Amino acid sequence: MLHVKKNDTVKVLSGKERGNEGKVLRVNPKTNRAVVENLNFMKRHTRPNPQRNIRGGVVEREGSINVSNLKVVCPECSAPTRVSQVFLADGRKVRQCKKCNATLDK
């Protein structure tokens, strides 16, 4: 289980996007990578396809970032924090902020 989930706000710790924050769009647990909104743009050369209404050319889109370079930003204390996992009284397993002990999962 990864510490990053879809729709989390994360801060990048290292790499060319260090210090930037963004929302997680997709997570791939098999490769330990996540795609963050408006970060790590890469160029893709596409061929035109009239059947799918795709124009050819160079397209920029977000590339993936390794989750070890991401830290979750707590919505309560708005600080980048480590994540711990705790069991609630009803038996659910939720992620918790290490700084303010707020639950990250709703």
PDB file of N, CA and C in Angstrom:
ATOM      1  N   MET A   1       0.843  -1.185   0.000  1.00  0.00           N
ATOM      2  CA  MET A   1       0.000   0.000   0.000  1.00  0.00           C
ATOM      3  C   MET A   1       0.885   1.245   0.000  1.00  0.00           C
ATOM      4  N   LEU A   2       0.591   2.167  -0.898  1.00  0.00           N
ATOM      5  CA  LEU A   2       1.379   3.391  -1.006  1.00  0.00           C
ATOM      6  C   LEU A   2       0.837   4.472  -0.079  1.00  0.00           C
ATOM      7  N   HIS A   3       1.682   5.431   0.267  1.00  0.00           N
ATOM      8  CA  HIS A   3       1.248   6.530   1.124  1.00  0.00           C
ATOM      9  C   HIS A   3       0.549   7.627   0.334  1.00  0.00           C
ATOM     10  N   VAL A   4       0.559   7.526  -0.993  1.00  0.00           N
ATOM     11  CA  VAL A   4      -0.053   8.532  -1.860  1.00  0.00           C
ATOM     12  C   VAL A   4      -1.268   7.915  -2.537  1.00  0.00           C
ATOM     13  N   LYS A   5      -2.371   8.669  -2.575  1.00  0.00           N
ATOM     14  CA  LYS A   5      -3.583   8.215  -3.250  1.00  0.00           C
ATOM     15  C   LYS A   5      -4.054   9.279  -4.227  1.00  0.00           C
ATOM     16  N   LYS A   6      -4.977   8.906  -5.086  1.00  0.00           N
ATOM     17  CA  LYS A   6      -5.543   9.830  -6.063  1.00  0.00           C
ATOM     18  C   LYS A   6      -6.240  10.975  -5.327  1.00  0.00           C
ATOM     19  N   ASN A   7      -6.134  12.182  -5.864  1.00  0.00           N
ATOM     20  CA  ASN A   7      -6.719  13.431  -5.337  1.00  0.00           C
ATOM     21  C   ASN A   7      -5.999  13.964  -4.096  1.00  0.00           C
ATOM     22  N   ASP A   8      -4.874  13.364  -3.682  1.00  0.00           N
ATOM     23  CA  ASP A   8      -4.070  13.933  -2.600  1.00  0.00           C
ATOM     24  C   ASP A   8      -3.307  15.140  -3.120  1.00  0.00           C
ATOM     25  N   THR A   9      -3.070  16.113  -2.245  1.00  0.00           N
ATOM     26  CA  THR A   9      -2.160  17.204  -2.564  1.00  0.00           C
ATOM     27  C   THR A   9      -0.784  16.786  -2.066  1.00  0.00           C
ATOM     28  N   VAL A  10       0.210  16.862  -2.958  1.00  0.00           N
ATOM     29  CA  VAL A  10       1.554  16.406  -2.599  1.00  0.00           C
ATOM     30  C   VAL A  10       2.571  17.496  -2.896  1.00  0.00           C
ATOM     31  N   LYS A  11       3.711  17.400  -2.228  1.00  0.00           N
ATOM     32  CA  LYS A  11       4.847  18.291  -2.464  1.00  0.00           C
ATOM     33  C   LYS A  11       5.994  17.446  -2.973  1.00  0.00           C
ATOM     34  N   VAL A  12       6.698  17.936  -4.001  1.00  0.00           N
ATOM     35  CA  VAL A  12       7.817  17.195  -4.592  1.00  0.00           C
ATOM     36  C   VAL A  12       9.072  17.497  -3.794  1.00  0.00           C
ATOM     37  N   LEU A  13       9.793  16.434  -3.400  1.00  0.00           N
ATOM     38  CA  LEU A  13      10.976  16.574  -2.553  1.00  0.00           C
ATOM     39  C   LEU A  13      12.270  16.701  -3.341  1.00  0.00           C
ATOM     40  N   SER A  14      12.363  16.053  -4.507  1.00  0.00           N
ATOM     41  CA  SER A  14      13.615  16.114  -5.257  1.00  0.00           C
ATOM     42  C   SER A  14      13.324  16.040  -6.744  1.00  0.00           C
ATOM     43  N   GLY A  15      14.338  16.404  -7.527  1.00  0.00           N
ATOM     44  CA  GLY A  15      14.188  16.409  -8.974  1.00  0.00           C
ATOM     45  C   GLY A  15      14.017  17.823  -9.488  1.00  0.00           C
ATOM     46  N   LYS A  16      13.711  17.941 -10.781  1.00  0.00           N
ATOM     47  CA  LYS A  16      13.611  19.274 -11.385  1.00  0.00           C
ATOM     48  C   LYS A  16      12.379  20.039 -10.910  1.00  0.00           C
ATOM     49  N   GLU A  17      11.387  19.346 -10.348  1.00  0.00           N
ATOM     50  CA  GLU A  17      10.165  19.983  -9.859  1.00  0.00           C
ATOM     51  C   GLU A  17      10.168  20.157  -8.342  1.00  0.00           C
ATOM     52  N   ARG A  18      11.353  20.107  -7.711  1.00  0.00           N
ATOM     53  CA  ARG A  18      11.459  20.169  -6.257  1.00  0.00           C
ATOM     54  C   ARG A  18      10.806  21.441  -5.704  1.00  0.00           C
ATOM     55  N   GLY A  19       9.994  21.261  -4.639  1.00  0.00           N
ATOM     56  CA  GLY A  19       9.352  22.393  -3.982  1.00  0.00           C
ATOM     57  C   GLY A  19       7.955  22.699  -4.489  1.00  0.00           C
ATOM     58  N   ASN A  20       7.576  22.143  -5.628  1.00  0.00           N
ATOM     59  CA  ASN A  20       6.257  22.423  -6.191  1.00  0.00           C
ATOM     60  C   ASN A  20       5.203  21.506  -5.587  1.00  0.00           C
ATOM     61  N   GLU A  21       3.967  21.997  -5.572  1.00  0.00           N
ATOM     62  CA  GLU A  21       2.847  21.216  -5.062  1.00  0.00           C
ATOM     63  C   GLU A  21       1.844  20.983  -6.169  1.00  0.00           C
ATOM     64  N   GLY A  22       1.106  19.894  -6.064  1.00  0.00           N
ATOM     65  CA  GLY A  22       0.080  19.594  -7.045  1.00  0.00           C
ATOM     66  C   GLY A  22      -0.820  18.475  -6.566  1.00  0.00           C
ATOM     67  N   LYS A  23      -1.870  18.234  -7.348  1.00  0.00           N
ATOM     68  CA  LYS A  23      -2.850  17.196  -7.019  1.00  0.00           C
ATOM     69  C   LYS A  23      -2.510  15.934  -7.793  1.00  0.00           C
ATOM     70  N   VAL A  24      -2.614  14.777  -7.150  1.00  0.00           N
ATOM     71  CA  VAL A  24      -2.304  13.505  -7.788  1.00  0.00           C
ATOM     72  C   VAL A  24      -3.463  13.114  -8.705  1.00  0.00           C
ATOM     73  N   LEU A  25      -3.139  12.858  -9.974  1.00  0.00           N
ATOM     74  CA  LEU A  25      -4.151  12.453 -10.951  1.00  0.00           C
ATOM     75  C   LEU A  25      -4.288  10.943 -11.038  1.00  0.00           C
ATOM     76  N   ARG A  26      -3.145  10.240 -11.054  1.00  0.00           N
ATOM     77  CA  ARG A  26      -3.146   8.773 -11.164  1.00  0.00           C
ATOM     78  C   ARG A  26      -2.006   8.220 -10.324  1.00  0.00           C
ATOM     79  N   VAL A  27      -2.198   6.996  -9.823  1.00  0.00           N
ATOM     80  CA  VAL A  27      -1.146   6.291  -9.072  1.00  0.00           C
ATOM     81  C   VAL A  27      -1.008   4.906  -9.666  1.00  0.00           C
ATOM     82  N   ASN A  28       0.248   4.481  -9.912  1.00  0.00           N
ATOM     83  CA  ASN A  28       0.519   3.148 -10.404  1.00  0.00           C
ATOM     84  C   ASN A  28       1.330   2.407  -9.344  1.00  0.00           C
ATOM     85  N   PRO A  29       0.667   1.577  -8.503  1.00  0.00           N
ATOM     86  CA  PRO A  29       1.401   0.913  -7.429  1.00  0.00           C
ATOM     87  C   PRO A  29       2.384  -0.140  -7.909  1.00  0.00           C
ATOM     88  N   LYS A  30       2.191  -0.660  -9.119  1.00  0.00           N
ATOM     89  CA  LYS A  30       3.101  -1.675  -9.644  1.00  0.00           C
ATOM     90  C   LYS A  30       4.490  -1.093  -9.896  1.00  0.00           C
ATOM     91  N   THR A  31       4.543   0.149 -10.403  1.00  0.00           N
ATOM     92  CA  THR A  31       5.823   0.789 -10.701  1.00  0.00           C
ATOM     93  C   THR A  31       6.215   1.842  -9.667  1.00  0.00           C
ATOM     94  N   ASN A  32       5.403   2.030  -8.618  1.00  0.00           N
ATOM     95  CA  ASN A  32       5.649   3.039  -7.577  1.00  0.00           C
ATOM     96  C   ASN A  32       5.752   4.445  -8.147  1.00  0.00           C
ATOM     97  N   ARG A  33       4.866   4.792  -9.068  1.00  0.00           N
ATOM     98  CA  ARG A  33       4.915   6.106  -9.689  1.00  0.00           C
ATOM     99  C   ARG A  33       3.546   6.764  -9.631  1.00  0.00           C
ATOM    100  N   ALA A  34       3.548   8.102  -9.645  1.00  0.00           N
ATOM    101  CA  ALA A  34       2.304   8.869  -9.611  1.00  0.00           C
ATOM    102  C   ALA A  34       2.400  10.012 -10.614  1.00  0.00           C
ATOM    103  N   VAL A  35       1.268  10.377 -11.191  1.00  0.00           N
ATOM    104  CA  VAL A  35       1.187  11.508 -12.105  1.00  0.00           C
ATOM    105  C   VAL A  35       0.566  12.667 -11.334  1.00  0.00           C
ATOM    106  N   VAL A  36       1.284  13.804 -11.281  1.00  0.00           N
ATOM    107  CA  VAL A  36       0.839  14.965 -10.522  1.00  0.00           C
ATOM    108  C   VAL A  36       0.434  16.060 -11.497  1.00  0.00           C
ATOM    109  N   GLU A  37      -0.666  16.732 -11.191  1.00  0.00           N
ATOM    110  CA  GLU A  37      -1.239  17.747 -12.068  1.00  0.00           C
ATOM    111  C   GLU A  37      -0.267  18.915 -12.263  1.00  0.00           C
ATOM    112  N   ASN A  38      -0.042  19.299 -13.519  1.00  0.00           N
ATOM    113  CA  ASN A  38       0.782  20.442 -13.927  1.00  0.00           C
ATOM    114  C   ASN A  38       2.244  20.349 -13.486  1.00  0.00           C
ATOM    115  N   LEU A  39       2.769  19.128 -13.319  1.00  0.00           N
ATOM    116  CA  LEU A  39       4.180  18.952 -12.965  1.00  0.00           C
ATOM    117  C   LEU A  39       4.815  17.921 -13.882  1.00  0.00           C
ATOM    118  N   ASN A  40       6.124  18.048 -14.112  1.00  0.00           N
ATOM    119  CA  ASN A  40       6.931  17.079 -14.857  1.00  0.00           C
ATOM    120  C   ASN A  40       6.396  16.869 -16.278  1.00  0.00           C
ATOM    121  N   PHE A  41       6.253  17.977 -17.024  1.00  0.00           N
ATOM    122  CA  PHE A  41       5.741  17.879 -18.385  1.00  0.00           C
ATOM    123  C   PHE A  41       6.744  17.203 -19.301  1.00  0.00           C
ATOM    124  N   MET A  42       6.245  16.379 -20.218  1.00  0.00           N
ATOM    125  CA  MET A  42       7.063  15.732 -21.228  1.00  0.00           C
ATOM    126  C   MET A  42       6.404  15.916 -22.582  1.00  0.00           C
ATOM    127  N   LYS A  43       7.208  15.903 -23.629  1.00  0.00           N
ATOM    128  CA  LYS A  43       6.686  16.082 -24.984  1.00  0.00           C
ATOM    129  C   LYS A  43       6.435  14.731 -25.630  1.00  0.00           C
ATOM    130  N   ARG A  44       5.318  14.616 -26.315  1.00  0.00           N
ATOM    131  CA  ARG A  44       4.919  13.385 -26.992  1.00  0.00           C
ATOM    132  C   ARG A  44       4.634  13.736 -28.437  1.00  0.00           C
ATOM    133  N   HIS A  45       5.273  13.060 -29.383  1.00  0.00           N
ATOM    134  CA  HIS A  45       5.000  13.274 -30.800  1.00  0.00           C
ATOM    135  C   HIS A  45       3.879  12.336 -31.218  1.00  0.00           C
ATOM    136  N   THR A  46       2.786  12.919 -31.726  1.00  0.00           N
ATOM    137  CA  THR A  46       1.628  12.100 -32.084  1.00  0.00           C
ATOM    138  C   THR A  46       1.362  12.180 -33.575  1.00  0.00           C
ATOM    139  N   ARG A  47       0.876  11.090 -34.112  1.00  0.00           N
ATOM    140  CA  ARG A  47       0.506  11.012 -35.523  1.00  0.00           C
ATOM    141  C   ARG A  47      -0.977  11.371 -35.638  1.00  0.00           C
ATOM    142  N   PRO A  48      -1.365  12.103 -36.682  1.00  0.00           N
ATOM    143  CA  PRO A  48      -2.781  12.455 -36.821  1.00  0.00           C
ATOM    144  C   PRO A  48      -3.646  11.225 -37.086  1.00  0.00           C
ATOM    145  N   ASN A  49      -4.834  11.214 -36.489  1.00  0.00           N
ATOM    146  CA  ASN A  49      -5.784  10.127 -36.667  1.00  0.00           C
ATOM    147  C   ASN A  49      -7.173  10.744 -36.847  1.00  0.00           C
ATOM    148  N   PRO A  50      -7.631  10.884 -38.097  1.00  0.00           N
ATOM    149  CA  PRO A  50      -8.920  11.542 -38.332  1.00  0.00           C
ATOM    150  C   PRO A  50     -10.113  10.783 -37.755  1.00  0.00           C
ATOM    151  N   GLN A  51      -9.998   9.452 -37.639  1.00  0.00           N
ATOM    152  CA  GLN A  51     -11.125   8.682 -37.097  1.00  0.00           C
ATOM    153  C   GLN A  51     -11.395   9.027 -35.633  1.00  0.00           C
ATOM    154  N   ARG A  52     -10.343   9.258 -34.860  1.00  0.00           N
ATOM    155  CA  ARG A  52     -10.501   9.612 -33.450  1.00  0.00           C
ATOM    156  C   ARG A  52     -10.469  11.122 -33.233  1.00  0.00           C
ATOM    157  N   ASN A  53     -10.420  11.880 -34.321  1.00  0.00           N
ATOM    158  CA  ASN A  53     -10.399  13.342 -34.262  1.00  0.00           C
ATOM    159  C   ASN A  53      -9.172  13.851 -33.500  1.00  0.00           C
ATOM    160  N   ILE A  54      -7.997  13.224 -33.770  1.00  0.00           N
ATOM    161  CA  ILE A  54      -6.739  13.618 -33.137  1.00  0.00           C
ATOM    162  C   ILE A  54      -5.880  14.332 -34.160  1.00  0.00           C
ATOM    163  N   ARG A  55      -5.445  15.536 -33.806  1.00  0.00           N
ATOM    164  CA  ARG A  55      -4.538  16.271 -34.686  1.00  0.00           C
ATOM    165  C   ARG A  55      -3.109  15.861 -34.349  1.00  0.00           C
ATOM    166  N   GLY A  56      -2.266  15.800 -35.353  1.00  0.00           N
ATOM    167  CA  GLY A  56      -0.877  15.414 -35.140  1.00  0.00           C
ATOM    168  C   GLY A  56      -0.059  16.572 -34.611  1.00  0.00           C
ATOM    169  N   GLY A  57       1.157  16.269 -34.165  1.00  0.00           N
ATOM    170  CA  GLY A  57       2.066  17.302 -33.686  1.00  0.00           C
ATOM    171  C   GLY A  57       2.678  16.916 -32.353  1.00  0.00           C
ATOM    172  N   VAL A  58       3.260  17.907 -31.715  1.00  0.00           N
ATOM    173  CA  VAL A  58       3.909  17.694 -30.432  1.00  0.00           C
ATOM    174  C   VAL A  58       2.921  18.057 -29.331  1.00  0.00           C
ATOM    175  N   VAL A  59       2.659  17.104 -28.434  1.00  0.00           N
ATOM    176  CA  VAL A  59       1.710  17.299 -27.338  1.00  0.00           C
ATOM    177  C   VAL A  59       2.482  17.249 -26.027  1.00  0.00           C
ATOM    178  N   GLU A  60       2.201  18.192 -25.137  1.00  0.00           N
ATOM    179  CA  GLU A  60       2.819  18.176 -23.809  1.00  0.00           C
ATOM    180  C   GLU A  60       1.818  17.616 -22.815  1.00  0.00           C
ATOM    181  N   ARG A  61       2.290  16.682 -21.985  1.00  0.00           N
ATOM    182  CA  ARG A  61       1.436  16.145 -20.932  1.00  0.00           C
ATOM    183  C   ARG A  61       2.293  15.791 -19.728  1.00  0.00           C
ATOM    184  N   GLU A  62       1.627  15.513 -18.601  1.00  0.00           N
ATOM    185  CA  GLU A  62       2.351  15.229 -17.360  1.00  0.00           C
ATOM    186  C   GLU A  62       3.000  13.857 -17.417  1.00  0.00           C
ATOM    187  N   GLY A  63       4.232  13.787 -16.952  1.00  0.00           N
ATOM    188  CA  GLY A  63       4.923  12.521 -16.807  1.00  0.00           C
ATOM    189  C   GLY A  63       4.805  12.043 -15.372  1.00  0.00           C
ATOM    190  N   SER A  64       5.219  10.813 -15.128  1.00  0.00           N
ATOM    191  CA  SER A  64       5.084  10.263 -13.785  1.00  0.00           C
ATOM    192  C   SER A  64       6.307  10.600 -12.934  1.00  0.00           C
ATOM    193  N   ILE A  65       6.094  10.600 -11.621  1.00  0.00           N
ATOM    194  CA  ILE A  65       7.139  10.875 -10.641  1.00  0.00           C
ATOM    195  C   ILE A  65       7.153   9.712  -9.662  1.00  0.00           C
ATOM    196  N   ASN A  66       8.324   9.294  -9.223  1.00  0.00           N
ATOM    197  CA  ASN A  66       8.414   8.222  -8.239  1.00  0.00           C
ATOM    198  C   ASN A  66       7.802   8.685  -6.914  1.00  0.00           C
ATOM    199  N   VAL A  67       7.018   7.821  -6.265  1.00  0.00           N
ATOM    200  CA  VAL A  67       6.322   8.222  -5.044  1.00  0.00           C
ATOM    201  C   VAL A  67       7.284   8.462  -3.881  1.00  0.00           C
ATOM    202  N   SER A  68       8.518   7.967  -3.968  1.00  0.00           N
ATOM    203  CA  SER A  68       9.482   8.244  -2.906  1.00  0.00           C
ATOM    204  C   SER A  68       9.907   9.709  -2.918  1.00  0.00           C
ATOM    205  N   ASN A  69       9.654  10.416  -4.012  1.00  0.00           N
ATOM    206  CA  ASN A  69       9.985  11.831  -4.108  1.00  0.00           C
ATOM    207  C   ASN A  69       8.797  12.727  -3.773  1.00  0.00           C
ATOM    208  N   LEU A  70       7.713  12.149  -3.266  1.00  0.00           N
ATOM    209  CA  LEU A  70       6.510  12.916  -2.951  1.00  0.00           C
ATOM    210  C   LEU A  70       6.199  12.815  -1.466  1.00  0.00           C
ATOM    211  N   LYS A  71       5.692  13.919  -0.901  1.00  0.00           N
ATOM    212  CA  LYS A  71       5.245  13.947   0.482  1.00  0.00           C
ATOM    213  C   LYS A  71       3.827  14.496   0.500  1.00  0.00           C
ATOM    214  N   VAL A  72       2.939  13.851   1.237  1.00  0.00           N
ATOM    215  CA  VAL A  72       1.538  14.263   1.291  1.00  0.00           C
ATOM    216  C   VAL A  72       1.420  15.542   2.108  1.00  0.00           C
ATOM    217  N   VAL A  73       0.619  16.503   1.603  1.00  0.00           N
ATOM    218  CA  VAL A  73       0.352  17.739   2.327  1.00  0.00           C
ATOM    219  C   VAL A  73      -0.947  17.541   3.114  1.00  0.00           C
ATOM    220  N   CYS A  74      -0.869  17.703   4.422  1.00  0.00           N
ATOM    221  CA  CYS A  74      -2.027  17.501   5.295  1.00  0.00           C
ATOM    222  C   CYS A  74      -3.047  18.614   5.073  1.00  0.00           C
ATOM    223  N   PRO A  75      -4.338  18.286   4.887  1.00  0.00           N
ATOM    224  CA  PRO A  75      -5.343  19.339   4.694  1.00  0.00           C
ATOM    225  C   PRO A  75      -5.625  20.128   5.973  1.00  0.00           C
ATOM    226  N   GLU A  76      -5.360  19.552   7.144  1.00  0.00           N
ATOM    227  CA  GLU A  76      -5.626  20.247   8.408  1.00  0.00           C
ATOM    228  C   GLU A  76      -4.535  21.263   8.730  1.00  0.00           C
ATOM    229  N   CYS A  77      -3.267  20.811   8.780  1.00  0.00           N
ATOM    230  CA  CYS A  77      -2.171  21.705   9.164  1.00  0.00           C
ATOM    231  C   CYS A  77      -1.445  22.289   7.954  1.00  0.00           C
ATOM    232  N   SER A  78      -1.839  21.886   6.751  1.00  0.00           N
ATOM    233  CA  SER A  78      -1.279  22.363   5.469  1.00  0.00           C
ATOM    234  C   SER A  78       0.247  22.321   5.444  1.00  0.00           C
ATOM    235  N   ALA A  79       0.814  21.248   5.998  1.00  0.00           N
ATOM    236  CA  ALA A  79       2.258  21.056   5.990  1.00  0.00           C
ATOM    237  C   ALA A  79       2.565  19.706   5.365  1.00  0.00           C
ATOM    238  N   PRO A  80       3.690  19.595   4.618  1.00  0.00           N
ATOM    239  CA  PRO A  80       4.079  18.287   4.098  1.00  0.00           C
ATOM    240  C   PRO A  80       4.448  17.371   5.259  1.00  0.00           C
ATOM    241  N   THR A  81       3.908  16.180   5.253  1.00  0.00           N
ATOM    242  CA  THR A  81       4.078  15.317   6.407  1.00  0.00           C
ATOM    243  C   THR A  81       4.254  13.873   5.997  1.00  0.00           C
ATOM    244  N   ARG A  82       4.802  13.079   6.916  1.00  0.00           N
ATOM    245  CA  ARG A  82       4.832  11.644   6.727  1.00  0.00           C
ATOM    246  C   ARG A  82       3.459  11.098   7.081  1.00  0.00           C
ATOM    247  N   VAL A  83       3.203   9.873   6.648  1.00  0.00           N
ATOM    248  CA  VAL A  83       1.884   9.282   6.830  1.00  0.00           C
ATOM    249  C   VAL A  83       2.020   8.017   7.656  1.00  0.00           C
ATOM    250  N   SER A  84       1.169   7.886   8.676  1.00  0.00           N
ATOM    251  CA  SER A  84       1.093   6.642   9.431  1.00  0.00           C
ATOM    252  C   SER A  84      -0.269   6.018   9.173  1.00  0.00           C
ATOM    253  N   GLN A  85      -0.371   4.724   9.418  1.00  0.00           N
ATOM    254  CA  GLN A  85      -1.627   4.024   9.210  1.00  0.00           C
ATOM    255  C   GLN A  85      -2.139   3.515  10.548  1.00  0.00           C
ATOM    256  N   VAL A  86      -3.407   3.842  10.853  1.00  0.00           N
ATOM    257  CA  VAL A  86      -3.998   3.442  12.122  1.00  0.00           C
ATOM    258  C   VAL A  86      -5.349   2.786  11.858  1.00  0.00           C
ATOM    259  N   PHE A  87      -5.785   1.991  12.806  1.00  0.00           N
ATOM    260  CA  PHE A  87      -7.107   1.372  12.749  1.00  0.00           C
ATOM    261  C   PHE A  87      -8.058   2.182  13.614  1.00  0.00           C
ATOM    262  N   LEU A  88      -9.237   2.496  13.067  1.00  0.00           N
ATOM    263  CA  LEU A  88     -10.252   3.205  13.837  1.00  0.00           C
ATOM    264  C   LEU A  88     -11.054   2.212  14.673  1.00  0.00           C
ATOM    265  N   ALA A  89     -11.944   2.742  15.495  1.00  0.00           N
ATOM    266  CA  ALA A  89     -12.750   1.887  16.372  1.00  0.00           C
ATOM    267  C   ALA A  89     -13.669   0.957  15.582  1.00  0.00           C
ATOM    268  N   ASP A  90     -14.118   1.414  14.401  1.00  0.00           N
ATOM    269  CA  ASP A  90     -15.004   0.566  13.591  1.00  0.00           C
ATOM    270  C   ASP A  90     -14.236  -0.435  12.739  1.00  0.00           C
ATOM    271  N   GLY A  91     -12.907  -0.477  12.868  1.00  0.00           N
ATOM    272  CA  GLY A  91     -12.102  -1.472  12.158  1.00  0.00           C
ATOM    273  C   GLY A  91     -11.516  -1.004  10.843  1.00  0.00           C
ATOM    274  N   ARG A  92     -11.822   0.236  10.441  1.00  0.00           N
ATOM    275  CA  ARG A  92     -11.264   0.737   9.186  1.00  0.00           C
ATOM    276  C   ARG A  92      -9.801   1.124   9.373  1.00  0.00           C
ATOM    277  N   LYS A  93      -9.010   0.949   8.313  1.00  0.00           N
ATOM    278  CA  LYS A  93      -7.604   1.339   8.316  1.00  0.00           C
ATOM    279  C   LYS A  93      -7.500   2.650   7.553  1.00  0.00           C
ATOM    280  N   VAL A  94      -7.033   3.710   8.200  1.00  0.00           N
ATOM    281  CA  VAL A  94      -6.952   5.029   7.574  1.00  0.00           C
ATOM    282  C   VAL A  94      -5.537   5.572   7.703  1.00  0.00           C
ATOM    283  N   ARG A  95      -5.224   6.542   6.844  1.00  0.00           N
ATOM    284  CA  ARG A  95      -3.931   7.221   6.907  1.00  0.00           C
ATOM    285  C   ARG A  95      -4.054   8.415   7.851  1.00  0.00           C
ATOM    286  N   GLN A  96      -2.977   8.687   8.581  1.00  0.00           N
ATOM    287  CA  GLN A  96      -2.999   9.741   9.581  1.00  0.00           C
ATOM    288  C   GLN A  96      -1.763  10.619   9.438  1.00  0.00           C
ATOM    289  N   CYS A  97      -1.928  11.921   9.658  1.00  0.00           N
ATOM    290  CA  CYS A  97      -0.822  12.879   9.613  1.00  0.00           C
ATOM    291  C   CYS A  97       0.060  12.678  10.835  1.00  0.00           C
ATOM    292  N   LYS A  98       1.381  12.638  10.635  1.00  0.00           N
ATOM    293  CA  LYS A  98       2.311  12.442  11.747  1.00  0.00           C
ATOM    294  C   LYS A  98       2.484  13.715  12.581  1.00  0.00           C
ATOM    295  N   LYS A  99       2.137  14.891  12.010  1.00  0.00           N
ATOM    296  CA  LYS A  99       2.352  16.147  12.742  1.00  0.00           C
ATOM    297  C   LYS A  99       1.157  16.519  13.621  1.00  0.00           C
ATOM    298  N   CYS A 100      -0.069  16.425  13.062  1.00  0.00           N
ATOM    299  CA  CYS A 100      -1.237  16.871  13.820  1.00  0.00           C
ATOM    300  C   CYS A 100      -2.224  15.747  14.138  1.00  0.00           C
ATOM    301  N   ASN A 101      -1.902  14.503  13.726  1.00  0.00           N
ATOM    302  CA  ASN A 101      -2.745  13.335  13.971  1.00  0.00           C
ATOM    303  C   ASN A 101      -4.137  13.422  13.353  1.00  0.00           C
ATOM    304  N   ALA A 102      -4.288  14.214  12.308  1.00  0.00           N
ATOM    305  CA  ALA A 102      -5.562  14.294  11.591  1.00  0.00           C
ATOM    306  C   ALA A 102      -5.642  13.151  10.580  1.00  0.00           C
ATOM    307  N   THR A 103      -6.837  12.631  10.344  1.00  0.00           N
ATOM    308  CA  THR A 103      -6.984  11.566   9.361  1.00  0.00           C
ATOM    309  C   THR A 103      -7.000  12.155   7.966  1.00  0.00           C
ATOM    310  N   LEU A 104      -6.287  11.524   7.046  1.00  0.00           N
ATOM    311  CA  LEU A 104      -6.208  11.991   5.658  1.00  0.00           C
ATOM    312  C   LEU A 104      -7.309  11.411   4.809  1.00  0.00           C
ATOM    313  N   ASP A 105      -7.859  10.248   5.206  1.00  0.00           N
ATOM    314  CA  ASP A 105      -8.923   9.596   4.453  1.00  0.00           C
ATOM    315  C   ASP A 105     -10.259   9.983   5.076  1.00  0.00           C
ATOM    316  N   LYS A 106     -11.226  10.233   4.226  1.00  0.00           N
ATOM    317  CA  LYS A 106     -12.556  10.599   4.723  1.00  0.00           C
ATOM    318  C   LYS A 106     -13.459   9.398   4.730  1.00  0.00           C
TER     319      LYS A 106
END
